[in-house]
């Protein structure tokens, strides 16, 4: 299932912890139904590291270790990729849990 963040959350800037948890719950629901999920960042103009941390930590907490085989991240704009890199460099536990999830650029 392809989930486009900007369509689901109706915003181009991803900063709200509440929206990170909301989107994470949608992803978890789909994963628990046995569906693979593609998180599509098309149209995203900015994202905070906090949003990414909450989103991925929550998905991992709810769905466990095989998450990297079930979740793909795509269409990450170049300027948003910096937040992903910061997360990987500074939050080792998240980076380790999602090391197999590649951020496919837009």
PDB file of N, CA and C in Angstrom:
ATOM      1  N   UNK A   1       0.844  -1.168   0.000  1.00  0.00           N
ATOM      2  CA  UNK A   1       0.000   0.000   0.000  1.00  0.00           C
ATOM      3  C   UNK A   1       0.886   1.227   0.000  1.00  0.00           C
ATOM      4  N   UNK A   2       0.610   2.166  -0.883  1.00  0.00           N
ATOM      5  CA  UNK A   2       1.346   3.420  -0.973  1.00  0.00           C
ATOM      6  C   UNK A   2       0.608   4.495  -0.186  1.00  0.00           C
ATOM      7  N   UNK A   3       1.277   5.045   0.831  1.00  0.00           N
ATOM      8  CA  UNK A   3       0.684   6.105   1.646  1.00  0.00           C
ATOM      9  C   UNK A   3       1.468   7.384   1.418  1.00  0.00           C
ATOM     10  N   UNK A   4       0.827   8.366   0.793  1.00  0.00           N
ATOM     11  CA  UNK A   4       1.461   9.654   0.518  1.00  0.00           C
ATOM     12  C   UNK A   4       1.201  10.569   1.714  1.00  0.00           C
ATOM     13  N   UNK A   5       2.264  10.928   2.405  1.00  0.00           N
ATOM     14  CA  UNK A   5       2.151  11.726   3.630  1.00  0.00           C
ATOM     15  C   UNK A   5       1.344  13.007   3.429  1.00  0.00           C
ATOM     16  N   UNK A   6       1.625  13.737   2.351  1.00  0.00           N
ATOM     17  CA  UNK A   6       0.940  15.019   2.143  1.00  0.00           C
ATOM     18  C   UNK A   6      -0.558  14.847   1.911  1.00  0.00           C
ATOM     19  N   UNK A   7      -0.960  13.728   1.336  1.00  0.00           N
ATOM     20  CA  UNK A   7      -2.389  13.480   1.124  1.00  0.00           C
ATOM     21  C   UNK A   7      -3.087  13.074   2.415  1.00  0.00           C
ATOM     22  N   UNK A   8      -2.441  12.202   3.167  1.00  0.00           N
ATOM     23  CA  UNK A   8      -3.048  11.698   4.400  1.00  0.00           C
ATOM     24  C   UNK A   8      -3.112  12.780   5.466  1.00  0.00           C
ATOM     25  N   UNK A   9      -2.017  13.517   5.626  1.00  0.00           N
ATOM     26  CA  UNK A   9      -1.941  14.505   6.711  1.00  0.00           C
ATOM     27  C   UNK A   9      -2.342  15.914   6.283  1.00  0.00           C
ATOM     28  N   UNK A  10      -2.538  16.118   4.982  1.00  0.00           N
ATOM     29  CA  UNK A  10      -2.975  17.403   4.431  1.00  0.00           C
ATOM     30  C   UNK A  10      -2.076  18.562   4.859  1.00  0.00           C
ATOM     31  N   UNK A  11      -0.771  18.342   4.748  1.00  0.00           N
ATOM     32  CA  UNK A  11       0.217  19.376   5.038  1.00  0.00           C
ATOM     33  C   UNK A  11       1.477  19.079   4.250  1.00  0.00           C
ATOM     34  N   UNK A  12       2.243  20.133   3.945  1.00  0.00           N
ATOM     35  CA  UNK A  12       3.495  19.971   3.213  1.00  0.00           C
ATOM     36  C   UNK A  12       4.714  19.975   4.128  1.00  0.00           C
ATOM     37  N   UNK A  13       4.518  20.420   5.380  1.00  0.00           N
ATOM     38  CA  UNK A  13       5.597  20.451   6.364  1.00  0.00           C
ATOM     39  C   UNK A  13       5.223  19.526   7.514  1.00  0.00           C
ATOM     40  N   UNK A  14       6.087  18.569   7.788  1.00  0.00           N
ATOM     41  CA  UNK A  14       5.809  17.543   8.789  1.00  0.00           C
ATOM     42  C   UNK A  14       6.579  17.867  10.069  1.00  0.00           C
ATOM     43  N   UNK A  15       5.857  18.401  11.046  1.00  0.00           N
ATOM     44  CA  UNK A  15       6.498  18.808  12.293  1.00  0.00           C
ATOM     45  C   UNK A  15       5.708  18.370  13.522  1.00  0.00           C
ATOM     46  N   UNK A  16       4.430  18.169  13.389  1.00  0.00           N
ATOM     47  CA  UNK A  16       3.553  17.900  14.521  1.00  0.00           C
ATOM     48  C   UNK A  16       3.726  16.486  15.074  1.00  0.00           C
ATOM     49  N   UNK A  17       4.058  16.364  16.360  1.00  0.00           N
ATOM     50  CA  UNK A  17       4.126  15.027  16.970  1.00  0.00           C
ATOM     51  C   UNK A  17       2.796  14.284  16.865  1.00  0.00           C
ATOM     52  N   UNK A  18       1.702  15.015  16.989  1.00  0.00           N
ATOM     53  CA  UNK A  18       0.371  14.408  16.898  1.00  0.00           C
ATOM     54  C   UNK A  18       0.153  13.778  15.516  1.00  0.00           C
ATOM     55  N   UNK A  19       0.604  14.479  14.469  1.00  0.00           N
ATOM     56  CA  UNK A  19       0.449  13.944  13.119  1.00  0.00           C
ATOM     57  C   UNK A  19       1.391  12.772  12.869  1.00  0.00           C
ATOM     58  N   UNK A  20       2.570  12.808  13.480  1.00  0.00           N
ATOM     59  CA  UNK A  20       3.498  11.670  13.350  1.00  0.00           C
ATOM     60  C   UNK A  20       2.869  10.417  13.946  1.00  0.00           C
ATOM     61  N   UNK A  21       2.258  10.565  15.103  1.00  0.00           N
ATOM     62  CA  UNK A  21       1.607   9.419  15.751  1.00  0.00           C
ATOM     63  C   UNK A  21       0.389   8.955  14.963  1.00  0.00           C
ATOM     64  N   UNK A  22      -0.362   9.911  14.401  1.00  0.00           N
ATOM     65  CA  UNK A  22      -1.536   9.573  13.585  1.00  0.00           C
ATOM     66  C   UNK A  22      -1.116   8.773  12.356  1.00  0.00           C
ATOM     67  N   UNK A  23      -0.110   9.254  11.656  1.00  0.00           N
ATOM     68  CA  UNK A  23       0.345   8.564  10.456  1.00  0.00           C
ATOM     69  C   UNK A  23       0.944   7.204  10.821  1.00  0.00           C
ATOM     70  N   UNK A  24       1.702   7.169  11.911  1.00  0.00           N
ATOM     71  CA  UNK A  24       2.276   5.903  12.376  1.00  0.00           C
ATOM     72  C   UNK A  24       1.202   4.870  12.657  1.00  0.00           C
ATOM     73  N   UNK A  25       0.098   5.304  13.246  1.00  0.00           N
ATOM     74  CA  UNK A  25      -1.009   4.381  13.538  1.00  0.00           C
ATOM     75  C   UNK A  25      -1.607   3.813  12.247  1.00  0.00           C
ATOM     76  N   UNK A  26      -1.668   4.632  11.217  1.00  0.00           N
ATOM     77  CA  UNK A  26      -2.182   4.163   9.921  1.00  0.00           C
ATOM     78  C   UNK A  26      -1.242   3.109   9.341  1.00  0.00           C
ATOM     79  N   UNK A  27       0.057   3.377   9.402  1.00  0.00           N
ATOM     80  CA  UNK A  27       1.044   2.420   8.897  1.00  0.00           C
ATOM     81  C   UNK A  27       0.963   1.109   9.678  1.00  0.00           C
ATOM     82  N   UNK A  28       0.920   1.207  10.989  1.00  0.00           N
ATOM     83  CA  UNK A  28       0.838   0.016  11.839  1.00  0.00           C
ATOM     84  C   UNK A  28      -0.409  -0.792  11.522  1.00  0.00           C
ATOM     85  N   UNK A  29      -1.531  -0.117  11.339  1.00  0.00           N
ATOM     86  CA  UNK A  29      -2.778  -0.803  11.008  1.00  0.00           C
ATOM     87  C   UNK A  29      -2.633  -1.615   9.716  1.00  0.00           C
ATOM     88  N   UNK A  30      -2.012  -1.013   8.707  1.00  0.00           N
ATOM     89  CA  UNK A  30      -1.832  -1.710   7.429  1.00  0.00           C
ATOM     90  C   UNK A  30      -0.875  -2.893   7.581  1.00  0.00           C
ATOM     91  N   UNK A  31       0.189  -2.696   8.359  1.00  0.00           N
ATOM     92  CA  UNK A  31       1.148  -3.782   8.571  1.00  0.00           C
ATOM     93  C   UNK A  31       0.509  -4.946   9.312  1.00  0.00           C
ATOM     94  N   UNK A  32      -0.320  -4.644  10.290  1.00  0.00           N
ATOM     95  CA  UNK A  32      -0.989  -5.701  11.049  1.00  0.00           C
ATOM     96  C   UNK A  32      -2.008  -6.450  10.209  1.00  0.00           C
ATOM     97  N   UNK A  33      -2.448  -5.828   9.119  1.00  0.00           N
ATOM     98  CA  UNK A  33      -3.347  -6.504   8.177  1.00  0.00           C
ATOM     99  C   UNK A  33      -2.572  -7.318   7.154  1.00  0.00           C
ATOM    100  N   UNK A  34      -1.247  -7.335   7.307  1.00  0.00           N
ATOM    101  CA  UNK A  34      -0.409  -8.136   6.422  1.00  0.00           C
ATOM    102  C   UNK A  34       0.018  -7.440   5.146  1.00  0.00           C
ATOM    103  N   UNK A  35      -0.155  -6.148   5.075  1.00  0.00           N
ATOM    104  CA  UNK A  35       0.202  -5.393   3.871  1.00  0.00           C
ATOM    105  C   UNK A  35       1.567  -4.737   4.036  1.00  0.00           C
ATOM    106  N   UNK A  36       2.351  -4.761   2.972  1.00  0.00           N
ATOM    107  CA  UNK A  36       3.571  -3.968   2.946  1.00  0.00           C
ATOM    108  C   UNK A  36       3.169  -2.508   2.731  1.00  0.00           C
ATOM    109  N   UNK A  37       3.987  -1.589   3.233  1.00  0.00           N
ATOM    110  CA  UNK A  37       3.655  -0.168   3.145  1.00  0.00           C
ATOM    111  C   UNK A  37       4.816   0.601   2.536  1.00  0.00           C
ATOM    112  N   UNK A  38       4.475   1.478   1.607  1.00  0.00           N
ATOM    113  CA  UNK A  38       5.429   2.444   1.081  1.00  0.00           C
ATOM    114  C   UNK A  38       5.028   3.797   1.623  1.00  0.00           C
ATOM    115  N   UNK A  39       5.949   4.433   2.347  1.00  0.00           N
ATOM    116  CA  UNK A  39       5.725   5.790   2.856  1.00  0.00           C
ATOM    117  C   UNK A  39       6.290   6.733   1.810  1.00  0.00           C
ATOM    118  N   UNK A  40       5.397   7.476   1.169  1.00  0.00           N
ATOM    119  CA  UNK A  40       5.747   8.324   0.038  1.00  0.00           C
ATOM    120  C   UNK A  40       5.827   9.784   0.492  1.00  0.00           C
ATOM    121  N   UNK A  41       7.001  10.375   0.348  1.00  0.00           N
ATOM    122  CA  UNK A  41       7.238  11.752   0.767  1.00  0.00           C
ATOM    123  C   UNK A  41       7.024  12.761  -0.364  1.00  0.00           C
ATOM    124  N   UNK A  42       6.332  12.371  -1.430  1.00  0.00           N
ATOM    125  CA  UNK A  42       6.077  13.295  -2.544  1.00  0.00           C
ATOM    126  C   UNK A  42       5.426  14.578  -2.049  1.00  0.00           C
ATOM    127  N   UNK A  43       5.983  15.711  -2.458  1.00  0.00           N
ATOM    128  CA  UNK A  43       5.404  17.010  -2.118  1.00  0.00           C
ATOM    129  C   UNK A  43       5.806  17.563  -0.764  1.00  0.00           C
ATOM    130  N   UNK A  44       6.484  16.771   0.060  1.00  0.00           N
ATOM    131  CA  UNK A  44       6.893  17.250   1.384  1.00  0.00           C
ATOM    132  C   UNK A  44       7.959  18.331   1.203  1.00  0.00           C
ATOM    133  N   UNK A  45       7.744  19.466   1.850  1.00  0.00           N
ATOM    134  CA  UNK A  45       8.692  20.572   1.743  1.00  0.00           C
ATOM    135  C   UNK A  45       9.620  20.664   2.939  1.00  0.00           C
ATOM    136  N   UNK A  46       9.261  20.016   4.031  1.00  0.00           N
ATOM    137  CA  UNK A  46      10.109  20.025   5.215  1.00  0.00           C
ATOM    138  C   UNK A  46       9.628  19.000   6.216  1.00  0.00           C
ATOM    139  N   UNK A  47      10.565  18.512   7.006  1.00  0.00           N
ATOM    140  CA  UNK A  47      10.222  17.538   8.042  1.00  0.00           C
ATOM    141  C   UNK A  47      11.199  17.715   9.202  1.00  0.00           C
ATOM    142  N   UNK A  48      10.677  17.644  10.403  1.00  0.00           N
ATOM    143  CA  UNK A  48      11.552  17.737  11.573  1.00  0.00           C
ATOM    144  C   UNK A  48      12.074  16.353  11.930  1.00  0.00           C
ATOM    145  N   UNK A  49      13.221  16.350  12.569  1.00  0.00           N
ATOM    146  CA  UNK A  49      13.798  15.098  13.035  1.00  0.00           C
ATOM    147  C   UNK A  49      12.862  14.467  14.065  1.00  0.00           C
ATOM    148  N   UNK A  50      12.217  15.288  14.879  1.00  0.00           N
ATOM    149  CA  UNK A  50      11.275  14.781  15.878  1.00  0.00           C
ATOM    150  C   UNK A  50      10.128  14.015  15.243  1.00  0.00           C
ATOM    151  N   UNK A  51       9.612  14.521  14.132  1.00  0.00           N
ATOM    152  CA  UNK A  51       8.534  13.834  13.412  1.00  0.00           C
ATOM    153  C   UNK A  51       9.012  12.455  12.967  1.00  0.00           C
ATOM    154  N   UNK A  52      10.178  12.410  12.332  1.00  0.00           N
ATOM    155  CA  UNK A  52      10.716  11.137  11.849  1.00  0.00           C
ATOM    156  C   UNK A  52      10.975  10.168  12.996  1.00  0.00           C
ATOM    157  N   UNK A  53      11.544  10.678  14.075  1.00  0.00           N
ATOM    158  CA  UNK A  53      11.848   9.837  15.231  1.00  0.00           C
ATOM    159  C   UNK A  53      10.576   9.202  15.797  1.00  0.00           C
ATOM    160  N   UNK A  54       9.551  10.022  16.009  1.00  0.00           N
ATOM    161  CA  UNK A  54       8.285   9.492  16.543  1.00  0.00           C
ATOM    162  C   UNK A  54       7.649   8.497  15.584  1.00  0.00           C
ATOM    163  N   UNK A  55       7.634   8.830  14.315  1.00  0.00           N
ATOM    164  CA  UNK A  55       7.019   7.969  13.316  1.00  0.00           C
ATOM    165  C   UNK A  55       7.684   6.591  13.295  1.00  0.00           C
ATOM    166  N   UNK A  56       8.983   6.552  13.107  1.00  0.00           N
ATOM    167  CA  UNK A  56       9.664   5.274  12.958  1.00  0.00           C
ATOM    168  C   UNK A  56       9.784   4.512  14.266  1.00  0.00           C
ATOM    169  N   UNK A  57       9.972   5.212  15.367  1.00  0.00           N
ATOM    170  CA  UNK A  57      10.042   4.531  16.666  1.00  0.00           C
ATOM    171  C   UNK A  57       8.724   3.849  16.994  1.00  0.00           C
ATOM    172  N   UNK A  58       7.632   4.532  16.714  1.00  0.00           N
ATOM    173  CA  UNK A  58       6.313   3.979  16.997  1.00  0.00           C
ATOM    174  C   UNK A  58       6.017   2.755  16.123  1.00  0.00           C
ATOM    175  N   UNK A  59       6.370   2.843  14.858  1.00  0.00           N
ATOM    176  CA  UNK A  59       6.152   1.705  13.951  1.00  0.00           C
ATOM    177  C   UNK A  59       6.951   0.499  14.446  1.00  0.00           C
ATOM    178  N   UNK A  60       8.206   0.726  14.804  1.00  0.00           N
ATOM    179  CA  UNK A  60       9.050  -0.360  15.287  1.00  0.00           C
ATOM    180  C   UNK A  60       8.492  -0.955  16.574  1.00  0.00           C
ATOM    181  N   UNK A  61       8.092  -0.092  17.483  1.00  0.00           N
ATOM    182  CA  UNK A  61       7.553  -0.547  18.775  1.00  0.00           C
ATOM    183  C   UNK A  61       6.329  -1.440  18.573  1.00  0.00           C
ATOM    184  N   UNK A  62       5.470  -1.072  17.654  1.00  0.00           N
ATOM    185  CA  UNK A  62       4.226  -1.802  17.431  1.00  0.00           C
ATOM    186  C   UNK A  62       4.397  -3.058  16.570  1.00  0.00           C
ATOM    187  N   UNK A  63       5.377  -3.048  15.671  1.00  0.00           N
ATOM    188  CA  UNK A  63       5.446  -4.129  14.678  1.00  0.00           C
ATOM    189  C   UNK A  63       6.696  -4.984  14.726  1.00  0.00           C
ATOM    190  N   UNK A  64       7.694  -4.582  15.465  1.00  0.00           N
ATOM    191  CA  UNK A  64       8.839  -5.443  15.675  1.00  0.00           C
ATOM    192  C   UNK A  64       9.947  -5.397  14.663  1.00  0.00           C
ATOM    193  N   UNK A  65      10.790  -6.401  14.767  1.00  0.00           N
ATOM    194  CA  UNK A  65      12.082  -6.392  14.091  1.00  0.00           C
ATOM    195  C   UNK A  65      12.041  -6.582  12.579  1.00  0.00           C
ATOM    196  N   UNK A  66      11.032  -7.189  12.029  1.00  0.00           N
ATOM    197  CA  UNK A  66      11.024  -7.430  10.588  1.00  0.00           C
ATOM    198  C   UNK A  66      10.495  -6.230   9.800  1.00  0.00           C
ATOM    199  N   UNK A  67      10.458  -5.097  10.439  1.00  0.00           N
ATOM    200  CA  UNK A  67       9.879  -3.889   9.839  1.00  0.00           C
ATOM    201  C   UNK A  67      10.579  -3.483   8.544  1.00  0.00           C
ATOM    202  N   UNK A  68      11.884  -3.676   8.468  1.00  0.00           N
ATOM    203  CA  UNK A  68      12.612  -3.237   7.277  1.00  0.00           C
ATOM    204  C   UNK A  68      12.205  -4.008   6.029  1.00  0.00           C
ATOM    205  N   UNK A  69      11.613  -5.172   6.204  1.00  0.00           N
ATOM    206  CA  UNK A  69      11.136  -5.953   5.067  1.00  0.00           C
ATOM    207  C   UNK A  69       9.723  -5.546   4.648  1.00  0.00           C
ATOM    208  N   UNK A  70       9.046  -4.803   5.507  1.00  0.00           N
ATOM    209  CA  UNK A  70       7.644  -4.467   5.264  1.00  0.00           C
ATOM    210  C   UNK A  70       7.399  -3.007   4.913  1.00  0.00           C
ATOM    211  N   UNK A  71       8.374  -2.142   5.225  1.00  0.00           N
ATOM    212  CA  UNK A  71       8.194  -0.705   5.009  1.00  0.00           C
ATOM    213  C   UNK A  71       9.269  -0.190   4.063  1.00  0.00           C
ATOM    214  N   UNK A  72       8.829   0.592   3.089  1.00  0.00           N
ATOM    215  CA  UNK A  72       9.742   1.245   2.156  1.00  0.00           C
ATOM    216  C   UNK A  72       9.479   2.746   2.233  1.00  0.00           C
ATOM    217  N   UNK A  73      10.504   3.523   2.024  1.00  0.00           N
ATOM    218  CA  UNK A  73      10.386   4.978   2.026  1.00  0.00           C
ATOM    219  C   UNK A  73      10.797   5.453   0.646  1.00  0.00           C
ATOM    220  N   UNK A  74       9.956   6.290   0.022  1.00  0.00           N
ATOM    221  CA  UNK A  74      10.235   6.708  -1.344  1.00  0.00           C
ATOM    222  C   UNK A  74       9.937   8.192  -1.555  1.00  0.00           C
ATOM    223  N   UNK A  75      10.458   8.716  -2.661  1.00  0.00           N
ATOM    224  CA  UNK A  75      10.233  10.094  -3.093  1.00  0.00           C
ATOM    225  C   UNK A  75      10.609  11.122  -2.025  1.00  0.00           C
ATOM    226  N   UNK A  76      11.741  10.902  -1.391  1.00  0.00           N
ATOM    227  CA  UNK A  76      12.222  11.830  -0.369  1.00  0.00           C
ATOM    228  C   UNK A  76      12.924  12.988  -1.072  1.00  0.00           C
ATOM    229  N   UNK A  77      12.371  14.207  -0.975  1.00  0.00           N
ATOM    230  CA  UNK A  77      13.027  15.358  -1.607  1.00  0.00           C
ATOM    231  C   UNK A  77      14.419  15.587  -1.019  1.00  0.00           C
ATOM    232  N   UNK A  78      15.303  16.119  -1.823  1.00  0.00           N
ATOM    233  CA  UNK A  78      16.683  16.333  -1.407  1.00  0.00           C
ATOM    234  C   UNK A  78      16.771  17.103  -0.094  1.00  0.00           C
ATOM    235  N   UNK A  79      15.999  18.181   0.051  1.00  0.00           N
ATOM    236  CA  UNK A  79      16.094  18.996   1.271  1.00  0.00           C
ATOM    237  C   UNK A  79      15.531  18.266   2.496  1.00  0.00           C
ATOM    238  N   UNK A  80      14.695  17.290   2.306  1.00  0.00           N
ATOM    239  CA  UNK A  80      14.145  16.497   3.411  1.00  0.00           C
ATOM    240  C   UNK A  80      15.134  15.403   3.810  1.00  0.00           C
ATOM    241  N   UNK A  81      15.924  14.963   2.869  1.00  0.00           N
ATOM    242  CA  UNK A  81      16.889  13.896   3.134  1.00  0.00           C
ATOM    243  C   UNK A  81      17.877  14.292   4.234  1.00  0.00           C
ATOM    244  N   UNK A  82      18.144  15.570   4.399  1.00  0.00           N
ATOM    245  CA  UNK A  82      19.047  16.031   5.454  1.00  0.00           C
ATOM    246  C   UNK A  82      18.518  15.637   6.838  1.00  0.00           C
ATOM    247  N   UNK A  83      17.203  15.687   7.025  1.00  0.00           N
ATOM    248  CA  UNK A  83      16.616  15.283   8.304  1.00  0.00           C
ATOM    249  C   UNK A  83      16.788  13.788   8.532  1.00  0.00           C
ATOM    250  N   UNK A  84      16.653  12.988   7.480  1.00  0.00           N
ATOM    251  CA  UNK A  84      16.895  11.548   7.587  1.00  0.00           C
ATOM    252  C   UNK A  84      18.349  11.285   7.968  1.00  0.00           C
ATOM    253  N   UNK A  85      19.266  11.996   7.322  1.00  0.00           N
ATOM    254  CA  UNK A  85      20.688  11.808   7.621  1.00  0.00           C
ATOM    255  C   UNK A  85      20.994  12.197   9.062  1.00  0.00           C
ATOM    256  N   UNK A  86      20.413  13.287   9.527  1.00  0.00           N
ATOM    257  CA  UNK A  86      20.630  13.716  10.906  1.00  0.00           C
ATOM    258  C   UNK A  86      20.121  12.644  11.872  1.00  0.00           C
ATOM    259  N   UNK A  87      18.954  12.102  11.578  1.00  0.00           N
ATOM    260  CA  UNK A  87      18.378  11.053  12.415  1.00  0.00           C
ATOM    261  C   UNK A  87      19.320   9.848  12.474  1.00  0.00           C
ATOM    262  N   UNK A  88      19.821   9.413  11.327  1.00  0.00           N
ATOM    263  CA  UNK A  88      20.709   8.257  11.279  1.00  0.00           C
ATOM    264  C   UNK A  88      22.011   8.511  12.025  1.00  0.00           C
ATOM    265  N   UNK A  89      22.531   9.733  11.927  1.00  0.00           N
ATOM    266  CA  UNK A  89      23.818  10.045  12.542  1.00  0.00           C
ATOM    267  C   UNK A  89      23.720  10.277  14.047  1.00  0.00           C
ATOM    268  N   UNK A  90      22.580  10.728  14.535  1.00  0.00           N
ATOM    269  CA  UNK A  90      22.477  11.155  15.924  1.00  0.00           C
ATOM    270  C   UNK A  90      21.545  10.330  16.801  1.00  0.00           C
ATOM    271  N   UNK A  91      20.795   9.440  16.213  1.00  0.00           N
ATOM    272  CA  UNK A  91      19.878   8.583  16.980  1.00  0.00           C
ATOM    273  C   UNK A  91      20.168   7.136  16.598  1.00  0.00           C
ATOM    274  N   UNK A  92      21.214   6.601  17.182  1.00  0.00           N
ATOM    275  CA  UNK A  92      21.727   5.283  16.801  1.00  0.00           C
ATOM    276  C   UNK A  92      20.668   4.188  16.900  1.00  0.00           C
ATOM    277  N   UNK A  93      19.819   4.229  17.941  1.00  0.00           N
ATOM    278  CA  UNK A  93      18.836   3.153  18.114  1.00  0.00           C
ATOM    279  C   UNK A  93      17.819   3.127  16.984  1.00  0.00           C
ATOM    280  N   UNK A  94      17.448   4.293  16.479  1.00  0.00           N
ATOM    281  CA  UNK A  94      16.503   4.344  15.359  1.00  0.00           C
ATOM    282  C   UNK A  94      17.217   3.942  14.079  1.00  0.00           C
ATOM    283  N   UNK A  95      18.406   4.453  13.900  1.00  0.00           N
ATOM    284  CA  UNK A  95      19.175   4.130  12.705  1.00  0.00           C
ATOM    285  C   UNK A  95      19.398   2.624  12.592  1.00  0.00           C
ATOM    286  N   UNK A  96      19.727   1.996  13.698  1.00  0.00           N
ATOM    287  CA  UNK A  96      19.960   0.550  13.713  1.00  0.00           C
ATOM    288  C   UNK A  96      18.681  -0.208  13.364  1.00  0.00           C
ATOM    289  N   UNK A  97      17.571   0.194  13.938  1.00  0.00           N
ATOM    290  CA  UNK A  97      16.297  -0.506  13.721  1.00  0.00           C
ATOM    291  C   UNK A  97      15.823  -0.381  12.280  1.00  0.00           C
ATOM    292  N   UNK A  98      16.164   0.727  11.626  1.00  0.00           N
ATOM    293  CA  UNK A  98      15.678   0.976  10.272  1.00  0.00           C
ATOM    294  C   UNK A  98      16.803   1.029   9.253  1.00  0.00           C
ATOM    295  N   UNK A  99      17.900   0.359   9.537  1.00  0.00           N
ATOM    296  CA  UNK A  99      19.065   0.436   8.659  1.00  0.00           C
ATOM    297  C   UNK A  99      18.779  -0.079   7.247  1.00  0.00           C
ATOM    298  N   UNK A 100      17.798  -0.939   7.105  1.00  0.00           N
ATOM    299  CA  UNK A 100      17.500  -1.494   5.776  1.00  0.00           C
ATOM    300  C   UNK A 100      16.499  -0.642   4.996  1.00  0.00           C
ATOM    301  N   UNK A 101      15.912   0.337   5.629  1.00  0.00           N
ATOM    302  CA  UNK A 101      14.972   1.203   4.916  1.00  0.00           C
ATOM    303  C   UNK A 101      15.760   2.269   4.191  1.00  0.00           C
ATOM    304  N   UNK A 102      15.695   2.258   2.904  1.00  0.00           N
ATOM    305  CA  UNK A 102      16.403   3.238   2.095  1.00  0.00           C
ATOM    306  C   UNK A 102      15.467   4.393   1.760  1.00  0.00           C
ATOM    307  N   UNK A 103      16.024   5.569   1.741  1.00  0.00           N
ATOM    308  CA  UNK A 103      15.276   6.768   1.362  1.00  0.00           C
ATOM    309  C   UNK A 103      15.499   6.990  -0.112  1.00  0.00           C
ATOM    310  N   UNK A 104      14.607   6.501  -0.929  1.00  0.00           N
ATOM    311  CA  UNK A 104      14.734   6.661  -2.366  1.00  0.00           C
ATOM    312  C   UNK A 104      14.368   8.086  -2.744  1.00  0.00           C
ATOM    313  N   UNK A 105      15.336   8.852  -3.284  1.00  0.00           N
ATOM    314  CA  UNK A 105      15.084  10.263  -3.585  1.00  0.00           C
ATOM    315  C   UNK A 105      14.034  10.452  -4.671  1.00  0.00           C
ATOM    316  N   UNK A 106      13.447  11.626  -4.629  1.00  0.00           N
ATOM    317  CA  UNK A 106      12.417  11.989  -5.621  1.00  0.00           C
ATOM    318  C   UNK A 106      13.067  12.212  -6.958  1.00  0.00           C
TER     319      UNK A 106
END
